[in-house]
């Protein structure tokens, strides 16, 4: 069963195993709609990704934007339609107005979204077709892989007087190094070329090759055993906050489990028989 669909975020699974999730407010450079509302952009990205993770036909999830932008972050013009708030709007759930109300909405909205993205077991790719601003940047940084073009740029929350969220504060120093991450925080802007040089972008290609490059990468990913990808992803993400000893335990346990999987048997047979394997994720 798929997610409940909304117009401002597209859910487009393809028969080839790719799920495209597209921000769909091109007239606003794909600025997010609302904050923690159950039908707002933040909650729906998490819902869509979880749905893709649960769909056995989906192998790779690609997050991107319609039009010239990836995601422009918060919509500073504000205004949230009633149908977007839904019945379980966090901001109306017995929370008094003030600083703590803002904290609650942030925790139940953006923080939950970032957990949703980072906990997805399947490969996730951010195809950054334009500016990734504020929360849009954080969502891209939470994905496993980022592919950009000459229109790609990352912009912090400085224009609204805020710090970058979990994607930037946690992953950026690990990806680019602390000094580079702080340079970005202090200046608020990172162009495509420098993002590629810093390792924030895995690939940098011309805009007219962006989708084709992403599709080819997806095809290469889909050829590999899914269980290997899922277990490797979880171990590597855990290793960011762990020790070598703990990582050794995780890899030894994971290797033993995978060795007895149907996919491992199929991979060995296909290699010996010189044919393409048919993996079943079990």
Foldseek 3Di string as FASTA:
>chain_A
DADDDDQQWDWDDDQQQETEIEGRPVVQLSEWADFQACQTPQNVLLRRLVRLLPDLSHQEYEQAYPDQFGYAYHDVVHDHDPVRNPDCNPLPPPDDDDDVSVVRSNCNGLVVSLVSLLPRLHAYEYLTRAEQEASSLLSRLSGPAYEYEQRYKYFHPVVVPDGHDDSLVPRVCVQQNDVVSVVCRVVGMDGDVVCVVSRVHVYYDHSVCRVVVVVVVVVVSVLDASLVSSLVSVLVVVVVPDDPVVSVVSVVVSVVVVCPDPQVVQVVVCVVVVHRGDYSND
